[in-house]
Amino acid sequence: MLKRGQDPRRVLGRHRERGPKVIGYTYEEVADFLGMTGGALRVAITRGQVDPQSLESIMEYYLYRHDKAVLSERKGRLRGLVQEARALTGLDYE
């Protein structure tokens, strides 16, 4: 049993403080996750596009960047399909 004034962290070898578990990450880890450089992440933070203190903000920015890339890729594919259809049919609508 502990005496009054004793620190359980020093007396008891296996003692740990209870409370919410803290999970952390660095700017480099966030930049790597977002697929950007550290400088680009700092610019996004300065512009207010992402808040590194908020995991929700990081995820929203990831989805924004990911959706933008997917839409750009699909847009290119769609243009290719349209051009192919025009070549096959001989129709040229604008």
PDB file of N, CA and C in Angstrom:
ATOM      1  N   MET A   1       0.847  -1.182   0.000  1.00  0.00           N
ATOM      2  CA  MET A   1       0.000   0.000   0.000  1.00  0.00           C
ATOM      3  C   MET A   1       0.885   1.235   0.000  1.00  0.00           C
ATOM      4  N   LEU A   2       0.425   2.236  -0.693  1.00  0.00           N
ATOM      5  CA  LEU A   2       1.183   3.480  -0.777  1.00  0.00           C
ATOM      6  C   LEU A   2       0.957   4.340   0.455  1.00  0.00           C
ATOM      7  N   LYS A   3       2.001   5.031   0.847  1.00  0.00           N
ATOM      8  CA  LYS A   3       1.891   5.980   1.945  1.00  0.00           C
ATOM      9  C   LYS A   3       1.519   7.335   1.369  1.00  0.00           C
ATOM     10  N   ARG A   4       0.979   8.167   2.183  1.00  0.00           N
ATOM     11  CA  ARG A   4       0.560   9.489   1.736  1.00  0.00           C
ATOM     12  C   ARG A   4       1.754  10.257   1.153  1.00  0.00           C
ATOM     13  N   GLY A   5       1.551  10.810  -0.047  1.00  0.00           N
ATOM     14  CA  GLY A   5       2.590  11.605  -0.684  1.00  0.00           C
ATOM     15  C   GLY A   5       3.521  10.827  -1.602  1.00  0.00           C
ATOM     16  N   GLN A   6       3.401   9.483  -1.615  1.00  0.00           N
ATOM     17  CA  GLN A   6       4.261   8.699  -2.512  1.00  0.00           C
ATOM     18  C   GLN A   6       3.725   8.744  -3.939  1.00  0.00           C
ATOM     19  N   ASP A   7       4.650   8.792  -4.873  1.00  0.00           N
ATOM     20  CA  ASP A   7       4.297   8.809  -6.289  1.00  0.00           C
ATOM     21  C   ASP A   7       4.203   7.370  -6.780  1.00  0.00           C
ATOM     22  N   PRO A   8       3.013   6.909  -7.208  1.00  0.00           N
ATOM     23  CA  PRO A   8       2.866   5.521  -7.639  1.00  0.00           C
ATOM     24  C   PRO A   8       3.726   5.185  -8.849  1.00  0.00           C
ATOM     25  N   ARG A   9       4.053   6.184  -9.663  1.00  0.00           N
ATOM     26  CA  ARG A   9       4.892   5.928 -10.839  1.00  0.00           C
ATOM     27  C   ARG A   9       6.313   5.551 -10.439  1.00  0.00           C
ATOM     28  N   ARG A  10       6.759   5.998  -9.285  1.00  0.00           N
ATOM     29  CA  ARG A  10       8.118   5.677  -8.838  1.00  0.00           C
ATOM     30  C   ARG A  10       8.149   4.447  -7.943  1.00  0.00           C
ATOM     31  N   VAL A  11       7.094   4.245  -7.186  1.00  0.00           N
ATOM     32  CA  VAL A  11       7.073   3.127  -6.236  1.00  0.00           C
ATOM     33  C   VAL A  11       6.660   1.832  -6.930  1.00  0.00           C
ATOM     34  N   LEU A  12       5.651   1.894  -7.746  1.00  0.00           N
ATOM     35  CA  LEU A  12       5.126   0.714  -8.423  1.00  0.00           C
ATOM     36  C   LEU A  12       5.675   0.670  -9.851  1.00  0.00           C
ATOM     37  N   GLY A  13       6.448  -0.341 -10.168  1.00  0.00           N
ATOM     38  CA  GLY A  13       7.095  -0.445 -11.469  1.00  0.00           C
ATOM     39  C   GLY A  13       6.141  -0.578 -12.633  1.00  0.00           C
ATOM     40  N   ARG A  14       5.001  -1.230 -12.430  1.00  0.00           N
ATOM     41  CA  ARG A  14       4.072  -1.481 -13.534  1.00  0.00           C
ATOM     42  C   ARG A  14       2.901  -0.508 -13.552  1.00  0.00           C
ATOM     43  N   HIS A  15       2.969   0.541 -12.756  1.00  0.00           N
ATOM     44  CA  HIS A  15       1.877   1.509 -12.692  1.00  0.00           C
ATOM     45  C   HIS A  15       1.833   2.335 -13.968  1.00  0.00           C
ATOM     46  N   ARG A  16       0.624   2.610 -14.433  1.00  0.00           N
ATOM     47  CA  ARG A  16       0.472   3.519 -15.571  1.00  0.00           C
ATOM     48  C   ARG A  16      -0.695   4.448 -15.286  1.00  0.00           C
ATOM     49  N   GLU A  17      -0.594   5.636 -15.796  1.00  0.00           N
ATOM     50  CA  GLU A  17      -1.661   6.610 -15.622  1.00  0.00           C
ATOM     51  C   GLU A  17      -2.823   6.250 -16.526  1.00  0.00           C
ATOM     52  N   ARG A  18      -4.004   6.388 -16.020  1.00  0.00           N
ATOM     53  CA  ARG A  18      -5.180   6.113 -16.828  1.00  0.00           C
ATOM     54  C   ARG A  18      -5.655   7.398 -17.486  1.00  0.00           C
ATOM     55  N   GLY A  19      -6.398   7.247 -18.525  1.00  0.00           N
ATOM     56  CA  GLY A  19      -6.932   8.400 -19.240  1.00  0.00           C
ATOM     57  C   GLY A  19      -7.011   8.083 -20.712  1.00  0.00           C
ATOM     58  N   PRO A  20      -7.461   9.034 -21.474  1.00  0.00           N
ATOM     59  CA  PRO A  20      -7.572   8.785 -22.907  1.00  0.00           C
ATOM     60  C   PRO A  20      -6.204   8.562 -23.529  1.00  0.00           C
ATOM     61  N   LYS A  21      -6.145   7.598 -24.427  1.00  0.00           N
ATOM     62  CA  LYS A  21      -4.900   7.297 -25.116  1.00  0.00           C
ATOM     63  C   LYS A  21      -4.648   8.382 -26.160  1.00  0.00           C
ATOM     64  N   VAL A  22      -3.440   8.871 -26.192  1.00  0.00           N
ATOM     65  CA  VAL A  22      -3.080   9.930 -27.123  1.00  0.00           C
ATOM     66  C   VAL A  22      -2.361   9.311 -28.309  1.00  0.00           C
ATOM     67  N   ILE A  23      -2.850   9.635 -29.486  1.00  0.00           N
ATOM     68  CA  ILE A  23      -2.232   9.144 -30.717  1.00  0.00           C
ATOM     69  C   ILE A  23      -1.732  10.365 -31.464  1.00  0.00           C
ATOM     70  N   GLY A  24      -0.504  10.315 -31.925  1.00  0.00           N
ATOM     71  CA  GLY A  24       0.058  11.471 -32.605  1.00  0.00           C
ATOM     72  C   GLY A  24       0.627  11.110 -33.958  1.00  0.00           C
ATOM     73  N   TYR A  25       0.876  12.136 -34.747  1.00  0.00           N
ATOM     74  CA  TYR A  25       1.475  11.967 -36.061  1.00  0.00           C
ATOM     75  C   TYR A  25       2.239  13.242 -36.397  1.00  0.00           C
ATOM     76  N   THR A  26       3.200  13.109 -37.267  1.00  0.00           N
ATOM     77  CA  THR A  26       4.025  14.245 -37.659  1.00  0.00           C
ATOM     78  C   THR A  26       3.523  14.839 -38.973  1.00  0.00           C
ATOM     79  N   TYR A  27       3.999  16.043 -39.285  1.00  0.00           N
ATOM     80  CA  TYR A  27       3.642  16.657 -40.560  1.00  0.00           C
ATOM     81  C   TYR A  27       4.115  15.793 -41.723  1.00  0.00           C
ATOM     82  N   GLU A  28       5.287  15.183 -41.571  1.00  0.00           N
ATOM     83  CA  GLU A  28       5.823  14.333 -42.635  1.00  0.00           C
ATOM     84  C   GLU A  28       4.909  13.135 -42.875  1.00  0.00           C
ATOM     85  N   GLU A  29       4.380  12.549 -41.795  1.00  0.00           N
ATOM     86  CA  GLU A  29       3.467  11.414 -41.944  1.00  0.00           C
ATOM     87  C   GLU A  29       2.163  11.840 -42.616  1.00  0.00           C
ATOM     88  N   VAL A  30       1.671  13.019 -42.263  1.00  0.00           N
ATOM     89  CA  VAL A  30       0.440  13.526 -42.888  1.00  0.00           C
ATOM     90  C   VAL A  30       0.683  13.796 -44.372  1.00  0.00           C
ATOM     91  N   ALA A  31       1.815  14.425 -44.686  1.00  0.00           N
ATOM     92  CA  ALA A  31       2.135  14.717 -46.085  1.00  0.00           C
ATOM     93  C   ALA A  31       2.263  13.428 -46.889  1.00  0.00           C
ATOM     94  N   ASP A  32       2.905  12.422 -46.309  1.00  0.00           N
ATOM     95  CA  ASP A  32       3.053  11.136 -46.991  1.00  0.00           C
ATOM     96  C   ASP A  32       1.684  10.498 -47.220  1.00  0.00           C
ATOM     97  N   PHE A  33       0.816  10.554 -46.228  1.00  0.00           N
ATOM     98  CA  PHE A  33      -0.525   9.989 -46.353  1.00  0.00           C
ATOM     99  C   PHE A  33      -1.312  10.690 -47.457  1.00  0.00           C
ATOM    100  N   LEU A  34      -1.161  12.019 -47.536  1.00  0.00           N
ATOM    101  CA  LEU A  34      -1.894  12.788 -48.540  1.00  0.00           C
ATOM    102  C   LEU A  34      -1.247  12.715 -49.918  1.00  0.00           C
ATOM    103  N   GLY A  35      -0.045  12.151 -49.989  1.00  0.00           N
ATOM    104  CA  GLY A  35       0.635  12.030 -51.268  1.00  0.00           C
ATOM    105  C   GLY A  35       1.196  13.349 -51.760  1.00  0.00           C
ATOM    106  N   MET A  36       1.704  14.143 -50.832  1.00  0.00           N
ATOM    107  CA  MET A  36       2.247  15.443 -51.198  1.00  0.00           C
ATOM    108  C   MET A  36       3.540  15.688 -50.432  1.00  0.00           C
ATOM    109  N   THR A  37       4.256  16.711 -50.816  1.00  0.00           N
ATOM    110  CA  THR A  37       5.491  17.046 -50.118  1.00  0.00           C
ATOM    111  C   THR A  37       5.173  17.840 -48.860  1.00  0.00           C
ATOM    112  N   GLY A  38       6.177  17.963 -48.002  1.00  0.00           N
ATOM    113  CA  GLY A  38       5.994  18.749 -46.785  1.00  0.00           C
ATOM    114  C   GLY A  38       5.701  20.213 -47.084  1.00  0.00           C
ATOM    115  N   GLY A  39       6.367  20.741 -48.113  1.00  0.00           N
ATOM    116  CA  GLY A  39       6.120  22.128 -48.508  1.00  0.00           C
ATOM    117  C   GLY A  39       4.699  22.344 -49.003  1.00  0.00           C
ATOM    118  N   ALA A  40       4.197  21.407 -49.794  1.00  0.00           N
ATOM    119  CA  ALA A  40       2.819  21.509 -50.290  1.00  0.00           C
ATOM    120  C   ALA A  40       1.818  21.422 -49.140  1.00  0.00           C
ATOM    121  N   LEU A  41       2.134  20.598 -48.149  1.00  0.00           N
ATOM    122  CA  LEU A  41       1.256  20.495 -46.976  1.00  0.00           C
ATOM    123  C   LEU A  41       1.251  21.821 -46.215  1.00  0.00           C
ATOM    124  N   ARG A  42       2.408  22.436 -46.048  1.00  0.00           N
ATOM    125  CA  ARG A  42       2.471  23.718 -45.347  1.00  0.00           C
ATOM    126  C   ARG A  42       1.669  24.791 -46.096  1.00  0.00           C
ATOM    127  N   VAL A  43       1.717  24.770 -47.417  1.00  0.00           N
ATOM    128  CA  VAL A  43       0.927  25.717 -48.210  1.00  0.00           C
ATOM    129  C   VAL A  43      -0.562  25.463 -47.994  1.00  0.00           C
ATOM    130  N   ALA A  44      -0.975  24.199 -48.005  1.00  0.00           N
ATOM    131  CA  ALA A  44      -2.391  23.858 -47.784  1.00  0.00           C
ATOM    132  C   ALA A  44      -2.839  24.293 -46.392  1.00  0.00           C
ATOM    133  N   ILE A  45      -1.956  24.151 -45.402  1.00  0.00           N
ATOM    134  CA  ILE A  45      -2.284  24.575 -44.034  1.00  0.00           C
ATOM    135  C   ILE A  45      -2.432  26.094 -43.996  1.00  0.00           C
ATOM    136  N   THR A  46      -1.511  26.816 -44.643  1.00  0.00           N
ATOM    137  CA  THR A  46      -1.555  28.270 -44.671  1.00  0.00           C
ATOM    138  C   THR A  46      -2.823  28.769 -45.352  1.00  0.00           C
ATOM    139  N   ARG A  47      -3.235  28.107 -46.411  1.00  0.00           N
ATOM    140  CA  ARG A  47      -4.457  28.489 -47.132  1.00  0.00           C
ATOM    141  C   ARG A  47      -5.732  28.084 -46.398  1.00  0.00           C
ATOM    142  N   GLY A  48      -5.591  27.323 -45.317  1.00  0.00           N
ATOM    143  CA  GLY A  48      -6.754  26.896 -44.551  1.00  0.00           C
ATOM    144  C   GLY A  48      -7.478  25.706 -45.150  1.00  0.00           C
ATOM    145  N   GLN A  49      -6.816  24.981 -46.056  1.00  0.00           N
ATOM    146  CA  GLN A  49      -7.447  23.830 -46.696  1.00  0.00           C
ATOM    147  C   GLN A  49      -7.433  22.604 -45.793  1.00  0.00           C
ATOM    148  N   VAL A  50      -6.470  22.531 -44.900  1.00  0.00           N
ATOM    149  CA  VAL A  50      -6.368  21.384 -44.002  1.00  0.00           C
ATOM    150  C   VAL A  50      -5.863  21.867 -42.646  1.00  0.00           C
ATOM    151  N   ASP A  51      -6.426  21.290 -41.584  1.00  0.00           N
ATOM    152  CA  ASP A  51      -5.994  21.592 -40.214  1.00  0.00           C
ATOM    153  C   ASP A  51      -5.287  20.355 -39.677  1.00  0.00           C
ATOM    154  N   PRO A  52      -3.964  20.407 -39.471  1.00  0.00           N
ATOM    155  CA  PRO A  52      -3.241  19.215 -39.037  1.00  0.00           C
ATOM    156  C   PRO A  52      -3.610  18.745 -37.632  1.00  0.00           C
ATOM    157  N   GLN A  53      -4.280  19.588 -36.859  1.00  0.00           N
ATOM    158  CA  GLN A  53      -4.687  19.197 -35.507  1.00  0.00           C
ATOM    159  C   GLN A  53      -5.966  18.351 -35.518  1.00  0.00           C
ATOM    160  N   SER A  54      -6.652  18.326 -36.655  1.00  0.00           N
ATOM    161  CA  SER A  54      -7.936  17.636 -36.758  1.00  0.00           C
ATOM    162  C   SER A  54      -7.833  16.470 -37.738  1.00  0.00           C
ATOM    163  N   LEU A  55      -8.013  15.261 -37.241  1.00  0.00           N
ATOM    164  CA  LEU A  55      -7.990  14.087 -38.108  1.00  0.00           C
ATOM    165  C   LEU A  55      -9.129  14.154 -39.119  1.00  0.00           C
ATOM    166  N   GLU A  56     -10.257  14.710 -38.706  1.00  0.00           N
ATOM    167  CA  GLU A  56     -11.396  14.863 -39.617  1.00  0.00           C
ATOM    168  C   GLU A  56     -11.025  15.764 -40.802  1.00  0.00           C
ATOM    169  N   SER A  57     -10.328  16.857 -40.520  1.00  0.00           N
ATOM    170  CA  SER A  57      -9.912  17.772 -41.578  1.00  0.00           C
ATOM    171  C   SER A  57      -8.930  17.096 -42.534  1.00  0.00           C
ATOM    172  N   ILE A  58      -8.021  16.308 -41.997  1.00  0.00           N
ATOM    173  CA  ILE A  58      -7.050  15.591 -42.829  1.00  0.00           C
ATOM    174  C   ILE A  58      -7.774  14.612 -43.748  1.00  0.00           C
ATOM    175  N   MET A  59      -8.743  13.876 -43.210  1.00  0.00           N
ATOM    176  CA  MET A  59      -9.485  12.909 -44.014  1.00  0.00           C
ATOM    177  C   MET A  59     -10.330  13.612 -45.088  1.00  0.00           C
ATOM    178  N   GLU A  60     -10.954  14.736 -44.736  1.00  0.00           N
ATOM    179  CA  GLU A  60     -11.736  15.474 -45.730  1.00  0.00           C
ATOM    180  C   GLU A  60     -10.839  15.953 -46.868  1.00  0.00           C
ATOM    181  N   TYR A  61      -9.650  16.441 -46.523  1.00  0.00           N
ATOM    182  CA  TYR A  61      -8.728  16.915 -47.560  1.00  0.00           C
ATOM    183  C   TYR A  61      -8.240  15.753 -48.414  1.00  0.00           C
ATOM    184  N   TYR A  62      -8.015  14.592 -47.788  1.00  0.00           N
ATOM    185  CA  TYR A  62      -7.604  13.400 -48.539  1.00  0.00           C
ATOM    186  C   TYR A  62      -8.688  13.021 -49.541  1.00  0.00           C
ATOM    187  N   LEU A  63      -9.931  12.983 -49.095  1.00  0.00           N
ATOM    188  CA  LEU A  63     -11.036  12.620 -49.990  1.00  0.00           C
ATOM    189  C   LEU A  63     -11.203  13.651 -51.094  1.00  0.00           C
ATOM    190  N   TYR A  64     -11.024  14.925 -50.768  1.00  0.00           N
ATOM    191  CA  TYR A  64     -11.110  15.980 -51.778  1.00  0.00           C
ATOM    192  C   TYR A  64     -10.045  15.761 -52.849  1.00  0.00           C
ATOM    193  N   ARG A  65      -8.790  15.536 -52.432  1.00  0.00           N
ATOM    194  CA  ARG A  65      -7.699  15.326 -53.389  1.00  0.00           C
ATOM    195  C   ARG A  65      -7.892  14.035 -54.174  1.00  0.00           C
ATOM    196  N   HIS A  66      -8.332  12.987 -53.489  1.00  0.00           N
ATOM    197  CA  HIS A  66      -8.513  11.691 -54.145  1.00  0.00           C
ATOM    198  C   HIS A  66      -9.636  11.765 -55.169  1.00  0.00           C
ATOM    199  N   ASP A  67     -10.762  12.361 -54.786  1.00  0.00           N
ATOM    200  CA  ASP A  67     -11.890  12.491 -55.718  1.00  0.00           C
ATOM    201  C   ASP A  67     -11.507  13.338 -56.916  1.00  0.00           C
ATOM    202  N   LYS A  68     -10.743  14.379 -56.689  1.00  0.00           N
ATOM    203  CA  LYS A  68     -10.322  15.254 -57.781  1.00  0.00           C
ATOM    204  C   LYS A  68      -9.455  14.479 -58.772  1.00  0.00           C
ATOM    205  N   ALA A  69      -8.544  13.642 -58.268  1.00  0.00           N
ATOM    206  CA  ALA A  69      -7.679  12.842 -59.142  1.00  0.00           C
ATOM    207  C   ALA A  69      -8.488  11.795 -59.900  1.00  0.00           C
ATOM    208  N   VAL A  70      -9.422  11.140 -59.217  1.00  0.00           N
ATOM    209  CA  VAL A  70     -10.250  10.112 -59.862  1.00  0.00           C
ATOM    210  C   VAL A  70     -11.126  10.744 -60.935  1.00  0.00           C
ATOM    211  N   LEU A  71     -11.723  11.897 -60.634  1.00  0.00           N
ATOM    212  CA  LEU A  71     -12.563  12.568 -61.624  1.00  0.00           C
ATOM    213  C   LEU A  71     -11.752  13.000 -62.831  1.00  0.00           C
ATOM    214  N   SER A  72     -10.541  13.484 -62.601  1.00  0.00           N
ATOM    215  CA  SER A  72      -9.690  13.893 -63.714  1.00  0.00           C
ATOM    216  C   SER A  72      -9.341  12.693 -64.594  1.00  0.00           C
ATOM    217  N   GLU A  73      -9.055  11.555 -63.963  1.00  0.00           N
ATOM    218  CA  GLU A  73      -8.723  10.334 -64.715  1.00  0.00           C
ATOM    219  C   GLU A  73      -9.939   9.865 -65.511  1.00  0.00           C
ATOM    220  N   ARG A  74     -11.098   9.859 -64.876  1.00  0.00           N
ATOM    221  CA  ARG A  74     -12.316   9.430 -65.564  1.00  0.00           C
ATOM    222  C   ARG A  74     -12.694  10.381 -66.689  1.00  0.00           C
ATOM    223  N   LYS A  75     -12.454  11.666 -66.488  1.00  0.00           N
ATOM    224  CA  LYS A  75     -12.743  12.648 -67.522  1.00  0.00           C
ATOM    225  C   LYS A  75     -11.908  12.369 -68.772  1.00  0.00           C
ATOM    226  N   GLY A  76     -10.631  12.031 -68.573  1.00  0.00           N
ATOM    227  CA  GLY A  76      -9.763  11.691 -69.701  1.00  0.00           C
ATOM    228  C   GLY A  76     -10.224  10.432 -70.413  1.00  0.00           C
ATOM    229  N   ARG A  77     -10.636   9.438 -69.638  1.00  0.00           N
ATOM    230  CA  ARG A  77     -11.140   8.195 -70.243  1.00  0.00           C
ATOM    231  C   ARG A  77     -12.420   8.446 -71.022  1.00  0.00           C
ATOM    232  N   LEU A  78     -13.296   9.269 -70.461  1.00  0.00           N
ATOM    233  CA  LEU A  78     -14.560   9.571 -71.121  1.00  0.00           C
ATOM    234  C   LEU A  78     -14.309  10.300 -72.442  1.00  0.00           C
ATOM    235  N   ARG A  79     -13.377  11.234 -72.451  1.00  0.00           N
ATOM    236  CA  ARG A  79     -13.044  11.928 -73.703  1.00  0.00           C
ATOM    237  C   ARG A  79     -12.535  10.938 -74.746  1.00  0.00           C
ATOM    238  N   GLY A  80     -11.724   9.976 -74.318  1.00  0.00           N
ATOM    239  CA  GLY A  80     -11.223   8.957 -75.237  1.00  0.00           C
ATOM    240  C   GLY A  80     -12.343   8.117 -75.811  1.00  0.00           C
ATOM    241  N   LEU A  81     -13.300   7.741 -74.977  1.00  0.00           N
ATOM    242  CA  LEU A  81     -14.442   6.956 -75.450  1.00  0.00           C
ATOM    243  C   LEU A  81     -15.283   7.752 -76.441  1.00  0.00           C
ATOM    244  N   VAL A  82     -15.486   9.034 -76.173  1.00  0.00           N
ATOM    245  CA  VAL A  82     -16.265   9.877 -77.075  1.00  0.00           C
ATOM    246  C   VAL A  82     -15.565   9.991 -78.423  1.00  0.00           C
ATOM    247  N   GLN A  83     -14.258  10.208 -78.399  1.00  0.00           N
ATOM    248  CA  GLN A  83     -13.509  10.305 -79.648  1.00  0.00           C
ATOM    249  C   GLN A  83     -13.554   8.988 -80.424  1.00  0.00           C
ATOM    250  N   GLU A  84     -13.469   7.888 -79.716  1.00  0.00           N
ATOM    251  CA  GLU A  84     -13.540   6.572 -80.364  1.00  0.00           C
ATOM    252  C   GLU A  84     -14.917   6.360 -80.993  1.00  0.00           C
ATOM    253  N   ALA A  85     -15.974   6.753 -80.269  1.00  0.00           N
ATOM    254  CA  ALA A  85     -17.336   6.609 -80.797  1.00  0.00           C
ATOM    255  C   ALA A  85     -17.532   7.487 -82.030  1.00  0.00           C
ATOM    256  N   ARG A  86     -16.980   8.685 -81.988  1.00  0.00           N
ATOM    257  CA  ARG A  86     -17.098   9.572 -83.155  1.00  0.00           C
ATOM    258  C   ARG A  86     -16.384   8.970 -84.360  1.00  0.00           C
ATOM    259  N   ALA A  87     -15.216   8.382 -84.113  1.00  0.00           N
ATOM    260  CA  ALA A  87     -14.460   7.783 -85.218  1.00  0.00           C
ATOM    261  C   ALA A  87     -15.215   6.587 -85.803  1.00  0.00           C
ATOM    262  N   LEU A  88     -15.863   5.784 -84.959  1.00  0.00           N
ATOM    263  CA  LEU A  88     -16.581   4.599 -85.429  1.00  0.00           C
ATOM    264  C   LEU A  88     -17.856   4.962 -86.187  1.00  0.00           C
ATOM    265  N   THR A  89     -18.551   5.979 -85.716  1.00  0.00           N
ATOM    266  CA  THR A  89     -19.836   6.321 -86.317  1.00  0.00           C
ATOM    267  C   THR A  89     -19.725   7.367 -87.412  1.00  0.00           C
ATOM    268  N   GLY A  90     -18.659   8.108 -87.407  1.00  0.00           N
ATOM    269  CA  GLY A  90     -18.512   9.167 -88.399  1.00  0.00           C
ATOM    270  C   GLY A  90     -19.297  10.405 -88.029  1.00  0.00           C
ATOM    271  N   LEU A  91     -19.906  10.402 -86.854  1.00  0.00           N
ATOM    272  CA  LEU A  91     -20.676  11.566 -86.400  1.00  0.00           C
ATOM    273  C   LEU A  91     -19.762  12.502 -85.635  1.00  0.00           C
ATOM    274  N   ASP A  92     -19.988  13.775 -85.831  1.00  0.00           N
ATOM    275  CA  ASP A  92     -19.168  14.751 -85.134  1.00  0.00           C
ATOM    276  C   ASP A  92     -20.076  15.816 -84.536  1.00  0.00           C
ATOM    277  N   TYR A  93     -20.524  15.565 -83.318  1.00  0.00           N
ATOM    278  CA  TYR A  93     -21.390  16.511 -82.615  1.00  0.00           C
ATOM    279  C   TYR A  93     -20.557  17.279 -81.615  1.00  0.00           C
ATOM    280  N   GLU A  94     -20.832  18.522 -81.476  1.00  0.00           N
ATOM    281  CA  GLU A  94     -20.147  19.353 -80.485  1.00  0.00           C
ATOM    282  C   GLU A  94     -21.123  19.774 -79.434  1.00  0.00           C
TER     283      GLU A  94
END
